[in-house]
Amino acid sequence: MPEYLSPGVYIEELPGPKPIEGVGTSTGAFVGIADRGPINDPQLITNLTQFADTFGDFLPGAYLGHAVRHFFTEGGTRCYVVRSFHPSPIVLPETDPDTARVVLGTAAAGGGTVMMTVFAASPGLWGRRVSIQTRAVDFNPNPATDPRFQLSVFLSGVADPVEVFDQLSMNEFSGAFPNPEHVETRINGKSKYIRVVDATNSPAQITPPFFETVPLTGGADGVALVPNDLIGAAGTATTRANGLFAFDAVDGINIVAIPDLVNPIFPAPPSTLGRDATLAAITYCQNRKDCFFIADTPRGLSPQEALGYRRGIAPSPVLGGAFNSKFAALYYPWIFVTDPITGNRMLTPPSGAVAGSYAEADGRVGVHKAPAGTEDGFLNSAVEVERVITKGEQDTLNPNGVNVIRKFADAGIVIWGARTVSTDPEWRYVNVRRLFNFIEQSILKGTQGLVFEPNDPSLWKRITRDVTAFLKVQWMEGKIIGPSMKQAFFVRCDEETNTPETMDLGQVITIIGLCPSKPAEFVIFRLKQTRFGGDVEE
């Protein structure tokens, strides 16, 4: 309490309600095989050009680039991307066999005394498209004590250099201080295409080698990975998290897809390895509780095989049993899209397009809207479906949590299912689970300031007030339903929910009840005949 020691007028500022702001719901998260780019390091991508700048061209035989493209085509606006890679055994970074390089020496490329090695900025065969050129600079400020040179980077098919580094020095120090113009300092971490290792290890004056344009050679694409490489593992004291677990350091991802899990480069579908990895991906999202996994069936399945894949019994029993989670949904069949390289049709898993459809529906209507139907489920990316599914075939798939992508003559290619793979009827629908994700994470984030506050009736009233204000907005926006607020939700935090025993444990307990919006999955019209002038209802 403030002290009042002398007469006067005092003004005090009182804290008002702390509004709870809704968290995002439409941020995608993709893991897959890419042409180039950082490995196991989530990168925020907001458009396809940024993806190409970071991860390179569409890689033949991989679906990551296509999935991200479809995500943006369908209306997604932001996503995080992790490039997975299966590295070859290495002893030293200088001997990395997965990264293209060229060795520069005093006599010729790769000959004489090694001066420096120029590596591609990341592993992959893409590095073979890089060439470098070193030459003397037009102006050399200190030719006797610190000779300088220029290094230019070229890409195959591009006439002009894509990067030019001028006034480079091979001298590690300038007097007693590190030399800011040293070749490693100037290039590493700044170039998009190369990194340099100075092999001289000498602070003394070094005259740089000059070469005409020379290509980088070697490298490997790391596509010898298996589905479990895409899932990865959590980090330890000595290792870094990789694969899907690289997202451990990223808050706010909502929609997760790994289209390469069912890539035919792995054992023939339905791949046991890919299915087990899908189970692991679902478990990851279930443990996080803030994101939702979009699973693909393998390519080429019949409706009966797709159902067996969902249940874990096709073509033979699979360890782990059926998919059963309220944090995942399964989509079938694959879709034909236009190959951006050839212009021809190509088959891809639907998860990237479905993720974009989720994001678009979230932005246009809200997370409470089922991402399905002729409007919110229409797929702009798809030009055809791998297999046309009839109503009778869907009658066996939909009740078992296989969301079908259908082709209709008057509506095009649309997502025609909105179910999770959960067997719990309470969590049957995708939008209900994602709505609860949104509300839970919003309340969790918006009430952090209450931790360590005195656990008394004033705190209970504050919690009730703030959560009620937040849920009122959600009710007004149609995310939770009911003719009145009392019928749509309740918030109870009082002496009944907080007993002396729970208070002694340092707990403050709030019970919240919600009536979520559920999709009209079956629109039924009941017709009957009437007689003219008979029992016609007005």
Protein backbone atom coordinates (compact mmCIF):
# COMPACT_ATOMS: atom_id res chain seq x y z
CA MET A 1 0.00 0.00 0.00
CA PRO A 2 1.26 3.54 -0.73
CA GLU A 3 2.12 5.83 2.18
CA TYR A 4 0.27 9.12 2.71
CA LEU A 5 2.45 11.26 4.97
CA SER A 6 1.35 14.78 4.17
CA PRO A 7 -1.92 16.44 3.19
CA GLY A 8 -2.61 16.59 -0.52
CA VAL A 9 -4.38 15.02 -3.51
CA TYR A 10 -3.08 11.63 -4.61
CA ILE A 11 -3.69 9.77 -7.85
CA GLU A 12 -3.36 6.02 -8.08
CA GLU A 13 -3.55 3.82 -11.16
CA LEU A 14 -5.53 0.61 -10.72
CA PRO A 15 -4.99 -2.40 -12.99
CA GLY A 16 -7.93 -3.17 -15.22
CA PRO A 17 -9.03 -6.45 -16.80
CA LYS A 18 -6.34 -8.33 -18.71
CA PRO A 19 -7.93 -9.29 -22.03
CA ILE A 20 -7.16 -12.75 -23.33
CA GLU A 21 -6.18 -12.61 -26.99
CA GLY A 22 -6.84 -15.51 -29.30
CA VAL A 23 -3.77 -17.38 -30.52
CA GLY A 24 -3.19 -18.19 -34.17
CA THR A 25 -4.64 -21.35 -35.64
CA SER A 26 -3.42 -21.45 -39.23
CA THR A 27 0.39 -21.71 -39.08
CA GLY A 28 1.57 -24.75 -41.01
CA ALA A 29 4.52 -26.98 -40.13
CA PHE A 30 6.12 -29.18 -42.79
CA VAL A 31 8.96 -31.71 -42.66
CA GLY A 32 10.44 -33.27 -45.77
CA ILE A 33 13.16 -33.73 -48.34
CA ALA A 34 14.43 -30.55 -50.01
CA ASP A 35 16.94 -29.61 -52.71
CA ARG A 36 19.07 -27.51 -50.37
CA GLY A 37 18.90 -25.35 -47.28
CA PRO A 38 19.51 -25.64 -43.53
CA ILE A 39 18.98 -29.07 -42.01
CA ASN A 40 16.75 -29.69 -38.95
CA ASP A 41 16.42 -25.93 -38.46
CA PRO A 42 12.81 -24.63 -38.72
CA GLN A 43 12.54 -21.75 -41.19
CA LEU A 44 9.57 -19.37 -41.29
CA ILE A 45 8.23 -19.25 -44.85
CA THR A 46 5.55 -16.78 -45.93
CA ASN A 47 5.46 -17.31 -49.69
CA LEU A 48 6.69 -19.71 -52.35
CA THR A 49 9.48 -17.38 -53.51
CA GLN A 50 10.92 -17.40 -50.00
CA PHE A 51 10.73 -21.18 -49.96
CA ALA A 52 12.67 -21.36 -53.26
CA ASP A 53 15.31 -18.92 -51.96
CA THR A 54 15.78 -21.02 -48.82
CA PHE A 55 15.22 -24.60 -49.96
CA GLY A 56 15.85 -24.45 -53.69
CA ASP A 57 14.06 -26.06 -56.61
CA PHE A 58 11.46 -28.81 -56.59
CA LEU A 59 13.43 -31.99 -55.94
CA PRO A 60 12.42 -34.92 -58.14
CA GLY A 61 11.02 -37.76 -56.06
CA ALA A 62 10.26 -35.56 -53.04
CA TYR A 63 6.95 -33.94 -52.06
CA LEU A 64 7.92 -31.22 -49.57
CA GLY A 65 8.17 -28.43 -52.15
CA HIS A 66 4.87 -29.40 -53.75
CA ALA A 67 3.11 -29.58 -50.36
CA VAL A 68 4.27 -26.06 -49.43
CA ARG A 69 3.22 -24.81 -52.87
CA HIS A 70 -0.25 -26.29 -52.42
CA PHE A 71 -0.48 -24.84 -48.90
CA PHE A 72 -0.07 -21.31 -50.28
CA THR A 73 -2.26 -22.01 -53.31
CA GLU A 74 -5.14 -23.03 -51.07
CA GLY A 75 -4.88 -19.91 -48.92
CA GLY A 76 -2.22 -20.56 -46.31
CA THR A 77 -0.14 -17.52 -45.37
CA ARG A 78 2.69 -18.73 -43.14
CA CYS A 79 4.39 -21.97 -42.25
CA TYR A 80 7.59 -23.37 -40.77
CA VAL A 81 9.63 -25.82 -42.82
CA VAL A 82 12.21 -28.35 -41.64
CA ARG A 83 14.53 -30.00 -44.14
CA SER A 84 15.29 -33.58 -43.13
CA PHE A 85 18.51 -35.24 -44.26
CA HIS A 86 20.20 -38.60 -43.84
CA PRO A 87 23.91 -37.73 -43.51
CA SER A 88 26.84 -39.91 -44.47
CA PRO A 89 29.37 -40.71 -41.74
CA ILE A 90 32.00 -37.97 -41.45
CA VAL A 91 35.08 -37.42 -39.33
CA LEU A 92 35.66 -33.70 -39.86
CA PRO A 93 33.54 -30.97 -41.48
CA GLU A 94 36.31 -30.57 -44.08
CA THR A 95 35.66 -34.15 -45.20
CA ASP A 96 31.86 -33.89 -45.37
CA PRO A 97 30.95 -36.20 -48.30
CA ASP A 98 27.41 -34.85 -48.63
CA THR A 99 28.44 -31.29 -49.49
CA ALA A 100 29.84 -30.26 -52.87
CA ARG A 101 33.15 -28.39 -52.76
CA VAL A 102 36.22 -27.20 -54.59
CA VAL A 103 39.74 -27.03 -53.14
CA LEU A 104 41.82 -23.98 -54.06
CA GLY A 105 45.59 -24.22 -53.91
CA THR A 106 48.63 -22.30 -54.98
CA ALA A 107 49.16 -24.15 -58.24
CA ALA A 108 45.78 -25.22 -59.56
CA ALA A 109 42.38 -26.23 -58.31
CA GLY A 110 43.02 -29.14 -56.00
CA GLY A 111 46.78 -29.02 -56.55
CA GLY A 112 49.81 -27.59 -54.80
CA THR A 113 49.44 -26.18 -51.30
CA VAL A 114 45.82 -26.03 -50.18
CA MET A 115 44.81 -22.46 -49.42
CA MET A 116 41.09 -22.80 -48.83
CA THR A 117 38.14 -25.05 -49.52
CA VAL A 118 34.88 -23.62 -50.81
CA PHE A 119 31.83 -25.68 -49.80
CA ALA A 120 28.22 -25.38 -50.85
CA ALA A 121 26.23 -23.67 -48.09
CA SER A 122 24.33 -26.88 -47.35
CA PRO A 123 24.50 -30.57 -48.28
CA GLY A 124 22.97 -31.86 -51.50
CA LEU A 125 23.64 -32.43 -55.17
CA TRP A 126 22.48 -28.87 -55.77
CA GLY A 127 26.00 -27.70 -54.91
CA ARG A 128 27.19 -29.03 -58.26
CA ARG A 129 25.32 -26.14 -59.88
CA VAL A 130 27.62 -23.68 -58.10
CA SER A 131 30.91 -22.36 -59.55
CA ILE A 132 33.30 -19.81 -58.12
CA GLN A 133 35.84 -17.43 -59.57
CA THR A 134 38.65 -15.63 -57.75
CA ARG A 135 40.62 -12.76 -59.20
CA ALA A 136 42.64 -9.72 -58.19
CA VAL A 137 40.70 -6.65 -57.15
CA ASP A 138 40.78 -3.42 -59.16
CA PHE A 139 41.95 -1.48 -56.11
CA ASN A 140 44.16 -2.95 -53.39
CA PRO A 141 44.60 -0.65 -50.37
CA ASN A 142 47.64 -2.44 -48.89
CA PRO A 143 49.13 -4.73 -51.57
CA ALA A 144 52.38 -5.26 -49.68
CA THR A 145 50.97 -6.12 -46.24
CA ASP A 146 47.43 -7.31 -46.95
CA PRO A 147 46.81 -8.42 -50.54
CA ARG A 148 43.12 -8.53 -51.42
CA PHE A 149 41.03 -10.49 -53.91
CA GLN A 150 37.48 -10.88 -55.19
CA LEU A 151 35.36 -14.04 -55.11
CA SER A 152 32.29 -14.37 -57.36
CA VAL A 153 29.63 -17.06 -57.14
CA PHE A 154 27.89 -18.38 -60.27
CA LEU A 155 24.94 -20.70 -60.76
CA SER A 156 24.58 -22.89 -63.82
CA GLY A 157 22.25 -21.34 -66.36
CA VAL A 158 22.79 -17.82 -64.99
CA ALA A 159 25.27 -15.66 -66.89
CA ASP A 160 26.00 -13.06 -64.23
CA PRO A 161 27.34 -13.83 -60.77
CA VAL A 162 24.67 -14.28 -58.10
CA GLU A 163 27.02 -13.07 -55.36
CA VAL A 164 30.24 -11.02 -55.41
CA PHE A 165 32.52 -10.60 -52.39
CA ASP A 166 35.14 -7.88 -52.90
CA GLN A 167 38.22 -6.87 -50.92
CA LEU A 168 38.66 -10.30 -49.30
CA SER A 169 41.80 -11.12 -47.35
CA MET A 170 43.50 -14.40 -46.46
CA ASN A 171 45.05 -12.76 -43.40
CA GLU A 172 43.22 -13.81 -40.25
CA PHE A 173 44.48 -10.84 -38.24
CA SER A 174 45.10 -7.20 -38.93
CA GLY A 175 47.86 -6.38 -36.50
CA ALA A 176 46.72 -7.63 -33.08
CA PHE A 177 43.04 -7.66 -34.01
CA PRO A 178 40.89 -10.06 -36.05
CA ASN A 179 40.72 -8.97 -39.65
CA PRO A 180 37.10 -8.06 -40.59
CA GLU A 181 37.94 -8.69 -44.25
CA HIS A 182 39.13 -12.25 -43.67
CA VAL A 183 37.52 -14.59 -46.19
CA GLU A 184 35.72 -16.70 -43.58
CA THR A 185 34.38 -13.66 -41.70
CA ARG A 186 33.07 -12.02 -44.85
CA ILE A 187 31.43 -15.07 -46.44
CA ASN A 188 30.36 -17.64 -43.86
CA GLY A 189 26.84 -17.11 -42.62
CA LYS A 190 26.27 -14.33 -45.15
CA SER A 191 26.39 -16.13 -48.47
CA LYS A 192 23.30 -18.03 -49.56
CA TYR A 193 25.36 -20.43 -51.65
CA ILE A 194 28.80 -21.10 -50.16
CA ARG A 195 30.92 -21.30 -47.04
CA VAL A 196 34.71 -21.17 -46.88
CA VAL A 197 37.33 -22.93 -44.79
CA ASP A 198 40.71 -21.17 -44.68
CA ALA A 199 43.28 -23.96 -44.73
CA THR A 200 46.34 -21.78 -44.08
CA ASN A 201 45.77 -21.39 -40.31
CA SER A 202 48.26 -18.56 -40.32
CA PRO A 203 48.03 -14.92 -39.24
CA ALA A 204 50.88 -14.06 -41.58
CA GLN A 205 50.55 -12.39 -44.96
CA ILE A 206 49.07 -14.82 -47.50
CA THR A 207 48.86 -14.17 -51.21
CA PRO A 208 45.52 -15.50 -52.45
CA PRO A 209 45.19 -17.92 -55.35
CA PHE A 210 43.46 -16.71 -58.52
CA PHE A 211 41.35 -19.02 -60.67
CA GLU A 212 39.03 -18.74 -63.57
CA THR A 213 35.57 -20.14 -62.97
CA VAL A 214 35.77 -23.57 -61.31
CA PRO A 215 32.78 -25.77 -60.33
CA LEU A 216 32.02 -27.40 -57.02
CA THR A 217 31.88 -31.17 -57.21
CA GLY A 218 30.66 -34.08 -55.08
CA GLY A 219 27.79 -33.97 -52.65
CA ALA A 220 24.77 -36.21 -52.01
CA ASP A 221 21.06 -35.57 -51.62
CA GLY A 222 20.55 -37.58 -48.45
CA VAL A 223 17.44 -39.25 -49.87
CA ALA A 224 18.64 -42.60 -48.50
CA LEU A 225 16.67 -41.69 -45.38
CA VAL A 226 13.82 -43.76 -43.98
CA PRO A 227 10.51 -42.46 -42.60
CA ASN A 228 11.86 -42.42 -39.05
CA ASP A 229 14.46 -39.85 -40.18
CA LEU A 230 11.55 -37.52 -40.93
CA ILE A 231 10.21 -38.01 -37.41
CA GLY A 232 13.65 -37.67 -35.82
CA ALA A 233 14.19 -37.43 -32.09
CA ALA A 234 14.21 -34.89 -29.30
CA GLY A 235 17.45 -33.13 -28.48
CA THR A 236 19.75 -34.23 -25.69
CA ALA A 237 22.68 -32.66 -23.87
CA THR A 238 24.95 -33.63 -26.77
CA THR A 239 22.63 -33.85 -29.78
CA ARG A 240 20.30 -31.47 -31.52
CA ALA A 241 16.61 -32.23 -32.08
CA ASN A 242 15.95 -33.33 -35.63
CA GLY A 243 13.10 -34.12 -37.98
CA LEU A 244 9.66 -33.37 -36.59
CA PHE A 245 11.18 -32.85 -33.15
CA ALA A 246 13.03 -29.80 -34.49
CA PHE A 247 9.71 -28.01 -33.90
CA ASP A 248 10.18 -28.43 -30.15
CA ALA A 249 11.76 -24.98 -30.16
CA VAL A 250 8.88 -23.38 -32.10
CA ASP A 251 5.69 -22.19 -30.41
CA GLY A 252 2.56 -21.50 -32.37
CA ILE A 253 2.56 -24.23 -35.02
CA ASN A 254 -0.96 -25.51 -35.61
CA ILE A 255 -1.23 -27.72 -38.71
CA VAL A 256 1.44 -30.40 -39.21
CA ALA A 257 2.07 -32.41 -42.40
CA ILE A 258 4.87 -34.71 -43.54
CA PRO A 259 3.96 -35.67 -47.13
CA ASP A 260 7.13 -37.69 -47.67
CA LEU A 261 6.11 -40.21 -44.98
CA VAL A 262 4.19 -42.11 -47.67
CA ASN A 263 6.71 -41.45 -50.44
CA PRO A 264 7.02 -44.46 -52.80
CA ILE A 265 10.83 -44.18 -52.55
CA PHE A 266 10.33 -46.02 -49.27
CA PRO A 267 9.16 -49.65 -49.21
CA ALA A 268 6.13 -50.25 -51.45
CA PRO A 269 2.88 -48.86 -50.03
CA PRO A 270 1.20 -49.38 -47.75
CA SER A 271 4.62 -49.05 -46.14
CA THR A 272 4.90 -50.47 -42.64
CA LEU A 273 7.75 -48.08 -41.94
CA GLY A 274 5.74 -45.09 -43.17
CA ARG A 275 2.71 -46.15 -41.18
CA ASP A 276 4.70 -46.57 -37.98
CA ALA A 277 6.25 -43.15 -38.57
CA THR A 278 2.76 -41.70 -39.07
CA LEU A 279 1.79 -43.13 -35.68
CA ALA A 280 4.85 -41.42 -34.21
CA ALA A 281 3.89 -38.09 -35.83
CA ILE A 282 0.36 -38.37 -34.42
CA THR A 283 1.80 -39.10 -30.99
CA TYR A 284 4.04 -36.03 -31.25
CA CYS A 285 1.04 -33.75 -31.87
CA GLN A 286 -0.94 -35.49 -29.15
CA ASN A 287 1.83 -34.90 -26.63
CA ARG A 288 2.18 -31.23 -27.60
CA LYS A 289 -1.59 -30.64 -27.45
CA ASP A 290 -1.31 -27.45 -29.50
CA CYS A 291 -1.18 -28.81 -33.07
CA PHE A 292 -3.03 -31.19 -35.36
CA PHE A 293 -1.58 -33.78 -37.75
CA ILE A 294 -2.80 -34.26 -41.33
CA ALA A 295 -2.01 -37.83 -42.41
CA ASP A 296 -1.91 -39.21 -45.94
CA THR A 297 -2.71 -42.72 -47.07
CA PRO A 298 -0.13 -44.30 -49.39
CA ARG A 299 -0.58 -44.04 -53.14
CA GLY A 300 -2.60 -46.54 -55.16
CA LEU A 301 -4.91 -47.92 -52.46
CA SER A 302 -8.41 -49.19 -53.12
CA PRO A 303 -11.12 -47.99 -50.70
CA GLN A 304 -10.92 -51.31 -48.85
CA GLU A 305 -7.13 -51.02 -48.58
CA ALA A 306 -7.46 -47.41 -47.34
CA LEU A 307 -9.80 -48.64 -44.63
CA GLY A 308 -7.32 -51.39 -43.76
CA TYR A 309 -4.52 -48.82 -43.60
CA ARG A 310 -6.58 -46.79 -41.12
CA ARG A 311 -7.20 -49.90 -39.03
CA GLY A 312 -3.68 -51.27 -39.30
CA ILE A 313 -4.68 -54.53 -40.96
CA ALA A 314 -3.61 -54.11 -44.61
CA PRO A 315 -1.93 -55.75 -46.33
CA SER A 316 -1.03 -57.60 -43.11
CA PRO A 317 -1.37 -56.73 -39.43
CA VAL A 318 0.86 -53.80 -38.46
CA LEU A 319 2.37 -53.25 -35.05
CA GLY A 320 0.70 -50.39 -33.24
CA GLY A 321 -2.82 -51.19 -34.40
CA ALA A 322 -5.31 -48.66 -35.72
CA PHE A 323 -4.88 -44.91 -35.83
CA ASN A 324 -6.87 -43.59 -32.86
CA SER A 325 -6.31 -39.98 -31.89
CA LYS A 326 -8.29 -36.78 -31.57
CA PHE A 327 -5.21 -34.87 -32.77
CA ALA A 328 -5.09 -36.27 -36.32
CA ALA A 329 -7.13 -36.81 -39.47
CA LEU A 330 -6.52 -39.14 -42.43
CA TYR A 331 -7.16 -38.15 -46.08
CA TYR A 332 -7.66 -40.36 -49.16
CA PRO A 333 -6.95 -40.61 -52.12
CA TRP A 334 -3.98 -38.77 -53.63
CA ILE A 335 -4.55 -35.88 -56.02
CA PHE A 336 -3.24 -35.00 -59.46
CA VAL A 337 -1.68 -31.52 -59.69
CA THR A 338 0.19 -29.61 -62.38
CA ASP A 339 3.93 -30.19 -62.21
CA PRO A 340 5.47 -26.67 -62.09
CA ILE A 341 8.57 -27.95 -63.93
CA THR A 342 7.13 -29.99 -66.80
CA GLY A 343 3.57 -28.69 -66.93
CA ASN A 344 2.33 -32.28 -66.92
CA ARG A 345 0.08 -33.88 -64.34
CA MET A 346 1.70 -35.52 -61.33
CA LEU A 347 0.38 -37.39 -58.31
CA THR A 348 1.02 -35.96 -54.85
CA PRO A 349 -0.21 -36.70 -51.33
CA PRO A 350 -3.08 -34.35 -50.45
CA SER A 351 -1.81 -33.19 -47.03
CA GLY A 352 -0.23 -29.94 -48.25
CA ALA A 353 -3.42 -28.84 -50.03
CA VAL A 354 -5.56 -29.94 -47.08
CA ALA A 355 -3.37 -27.92 -44.69
CA GLY A 356 -3.87 -24.85 -46.89
CA SER A 357 -7.61 -25.48 -46.89
CA TYR A 358 -7.56 -25.57 -43.08
CA ALA A 359 -5.71 -22.25 -42.99
CA GLU A 360 -8.03 -20.61 -45.52
CA ALA A 361 -11.17 -21.69 -43.64
CA ASP A 362 -9.65 -20.42 -40.38
CA GLY A 363 -9.01 -17.01 -41.87
CA ARG A 364 -12.27 -16.63 -43.77
CA VAL A 365 -14.72 -18.11 -41.27
CA GLY A 366 -12.93 -19.32 -38.16
CA VAL A 367 -11.37 -22.39 -36.63
CA HIS A 368 -14.84 -23.60 -35.62
CA LYS A 369 -15.74 -24.19 -39.28
CA ALA A 370 -15.19 -27.71 -40.57
CA PRO A 371 -12.54 -27.54 -43.34
CA ALA A 372 -14.67 -29.47 -45.83
CA GLY A 373 -17.50 -29.00 -48.31
CA THR A 374 -17.98 -27.33 -51.66
CA GLU A 375 -16.65 -23.97 -50.43
CA ASP A 376 -14.19 -24.49 -47.57
CA GLY A 377 -13.14 -27.87 -48.93
CA PHE A 378 -12.64 -26.97 -52.59
CA LEU A 379 -9.06 -27.74 -53.66
CA ASN A 380 -7.64 -25.21 -56.10
CA SER A 381 -4.44 -27.27 -56.45
CA ALA A 382 -6.10 -30.46 -57.66
CA VAL A 383 -6.85 -31.10 -61.33
CA GLU A 384 -7.95 -34.70 -60.81
CA VAL A 385 -8.20 -37.36 -58.14
CA GLU A 386 -6.21 -40.57 -58.22
CA ARG A 387 -9.41 -42.55 -57.86
CA VAL A 388 -13.04 -41.47 -58.13
CA ILE A 389 -14.81 -42.57 -54.94
CA THR A 390 -18.51 -43.34 -55.05
CA LYS A 391 -21.03 -42.62 -52.32
CA GLY A 392 -21.30 -46.31 -51.55
CA GLU A 393 -17.54 -46.59 -51.09
CA GLN A 394 -17.49 -43.52 -48.87
CA ASP A 395 -20.26 -45.04 -46.78
CA THR A 396 -17.66 -47.52 -45.47
CA LEU A 397 -14.83 -44.98 -45.12
CA ASN A 398 -16.44 -41.94 -43.47
CA PRO A 399 -17.75 -43.72 -40.33
CA ASN A 400 -14.25 -45.10 -39.81
CA GLY A 401 -12.47 -41.75 -39.92
CA VAL A 402 -11.12 -41.79 -43.48
CA ASN A 403 -11.81 -38.37 -45.02
CA VAL A 404 -12.44 -38.77 -48.72
CA ILE A 405 -11.50 -36.28 -51.42
CA ARG A 406 -14.35 -36.47 -53.92
CA LYS A 407 -14.88 -35.23 -57.45
CA PHE A 408 -18.32 -33.78 -58.24
CA ALA A 409 -19.46 -32.69 -61.67
CA ASP A 410 -20.87 -29.39 -60.45
CA ALA A 411 -18.51 -28.64 -57.54
CA GLY A 412 -15.07 -29.85 -58.64
CA ILE A 413 -12.62 -31.64 -56.37
CA VAL A 414 -13.46 -31.13 -52.72
CA ILE A 415 -12.67 -32.46 -49.25
CA TRP A 416 -15.78 -34.45 -48.37
CA GLY A 417 -15.04 -35.45 -44.79
CA ALA A 418 -14.25 -33.71 -41.51
CA ARG A 419 -13.54 -36.47 -39.03
CA THR A 420 -10.59 -37.21 -36.80
CA VAL A 421 -9.27 -40.75 -36.42
CA SER A 422 -10.52 -40.84 -32.83
CA THR A 423 -13.01 -43.51 -31.74
CA ASP A 424 -14.33 -41.16 -29.05
CA PRO A 425 -17.61 -39.63 -30.34
CA GLU A 426 -16.92 -36.48 -28.32
CA TRP A 427 -13.89 -35.78 -30.53
CA ARG A 428 -15.30 -37.00 -33.82
CA TYR A 429 -14.86 -33.76 -35.78
CA VAL A 430 -11.69 -31.99 -36.85
CA ASN A 431 -13.06 -28.51 -36.16
CA VAL A 432 -14.12 -29.39 -32.59
CA ARG A 433 -10.62 -30.59 -31.68
CA ARG A 434 -8.97 -27.59 -33.31
CA LEU A 435 -11.45 -25.20 -31.66
CA PHE A 436 -10.50 -26.60 -28.25
CA ASN A 437 -6.80 -26.29 -29.19
CA PHE A 438 -7.43 -22.62 -29.94
CA ILE A 439 -9.35 -21.91 -26.74
CA GLU A 440 -6.98 -23.88 -24.50
CA GLN A 441 -3.84 -22.27 -25.89
CA SER A 442 -5.40 -18.78 -25.83
CA ILE A 443 -6.35 -19.12 -22.16
CA LEU A 444 -2.99 -20.69 -21.32
CA LYS A 445 -1.07 -17.84 -22.94
CA GLY A 446 -3.37 -15.08 -21.70
CA THR A 447 -3.32 -16.07 -18.03
CA GLN A 448 0.43 -16.47 -17.42
CA GLY A 449 0.38 -13.29 -15.34
CA LEU A 450 -1.75 -15.02 -12.71
CA VAL A 451 0.98 -17.41 -11.64
CA PHE A 452 2.12 -16.71 -8.03
CA GLU A 453 -0.78 -14.35 -7.34
CA PRO A 454 -2.48 -14.84 -3.92
CA ASN A 455 -4.90 -17.75 -4.19
CA ASP A 456 -8.00 -16.11 -2.77
CA PRO A 457 -11.52 -15.04 -3.88
CA SER A 458 -10.20 -11.93 -5.61
CA LEU A 459 -8.05 -14.11 -7.88
CA TRP A 460 -10.99 -16.42 -8.56
CA LYS A 461 -13.16 -13.46 -9.58
CA ARG A 462 -10.38 -12.13 -11.80
CA ILE A 463 -10.02 -15.50 -13.56
CA THR A 464 -13.78 -15.80 -14.01
CA ARG A 465 -14.01 -12.25 -15.37
CA ASP A 466 -11.14 -12.56 -17.86
CA VAL A 467 -12.04 -16.01 -19.18
CA THR A 468 -15.72 -15.09 -19.44
CA ALA A 469 -14.85 -11.96 -21.45
CA PHE A 470 -12.76 -14.06 -23.85
CA LEU A 471 -15.41 -16.74 -24.29
CA LYS A 472 -18.11 -14.12 -24.83
CA VAL A 473 -16.22 -12.92 -27.89
CA GLN A 474 -15.96 -16.49 -29.18
CA TRP A 475 -19.70 -16.96 -28.66
CA MET A 476 -20.50 -13.73 -30.50
CA GLU A 477 -18.29 -14.91 -33.40
CA GLY A 478 -20.14 -18.23 -33.58
CA LYS A 479 -17.26 -20.42 -32.45
CA ILE A 480 -19.32 -21.72 -29.55
CA ILE A 481 -23.08 -21.93 -29.86
CA GLY A 482 -26.17 -21.30 -27.77
CA PRO A 483 -29.09 -18.84 -27.75
CA SER A 484 -27.54 -17.19 -24.69
CA MET A 485 -24.11 -17.06 -23.09
CA LYS A 486 -25.30 -19.18 -20.18
CA GLN A 487 -26.32 -21.91 -22.59
CA ALA A 488 -23.13 -21.60 -24.68
CA PHE A 489 -20.54 -21.80 -21.90
CA PHE A 490 -19.86 -21.47 -18.19
CA VAL A 491 -16.78 -20.56 -16.12
CA ARG A 492 -16.63 -21.66 -12.51
CA CYS A 493 -13.78 -20.68 -10.21
CA ASP A 494 -14.90 -20.40 -6.59
CA GLU A 495 -14.76 -22.04 -3.20
CA GLU A 496 -16.32 -25.22 -4.62
CA THR A 497 -13.58 -25.77 -7.19
CA ASN A 498 -10.84 -24.53 -4.87
CA THR A 499 -10.87 -26.40 -1.59
CA PRO A 500 -8.41 -25.88 1.29
CA GLU A 501 -6.68 -29.09 0.20
CA THR A 502 -6.08 -27.93 -3.37
CA MET A 503 -5.05 -24.47 -2.17
CA ASP A 504 -2.46 -26.05 0.12
CA LEU A 505 -1.03 -27.69 -3.00
CA GLY A 506 -0.66 -24.29 -4.67
CA GLN A 507 -3.43 -25.01 -7.17
CA VAL A 508 -6.19 -22.75 -8.42
CA ILE A 509 -8.79 -24.77 -10.35
CA THR A 510 -11.21 -23.40 -12.92
CA ILE A 511 -13.88 -25.50 -14.62
CA ILE A 512 -14.97 -24.38 -18.08
CA GLY A 513 -17.83 -25.86 -20.09
CA LEU A 514 -18.28 -25.16 -23.81
CA CYS A 515 -20.84 -26.00 -26.45
CA PRO A 516 -18.77 -26.21 -29.65
CA SER A 517 -20.06 -25.69 -33.16
CA LYS A 518 -20.35 -29.04 -34.96
CA PRO A 519 -20.73 -29.51 -38.71
CA ALA A 520 -24.02 -30.39 -40.34
CA GLU A 521 -22.54 -33.60 -41.71
CA PHE A 522 -25.89 -35.07 -42.74
CA VAL A 523 -28.39 -32.59 -44.19
CA ILE A 524 -31.74 -34.39 -44.18
CA PHE A 525 -34.95 -33.27 -45.86
CA ARG A 526 -38.05 -35.31 -45.00
CA LEU A 527 -40.77 -35.10 -47.61
CA LYS A 528 -44.31 -36.39 -47.61
CA GLN A 529 -47.25 -36.27 -49.98
CA THR A 530 -50.31 -34.15 -49.19
CA ARG A 531 -53.72 -33.81 -50.80
CA PHE A 532 -54.74 -30.63 -52.50
CA GLY A 533 -56.45 -28.51 -49.91
CA GLY A 534 -55.50 -31.04 -47.29
CA ASP A 535 -53.09 -30.96 -44.37
CA VAL A 536 -50.56 -28.49 -45.80
CA GLU A 537 -48.45 -26.90 -43.06
CA GLU A 538 -47.90 -23.16 -43.28
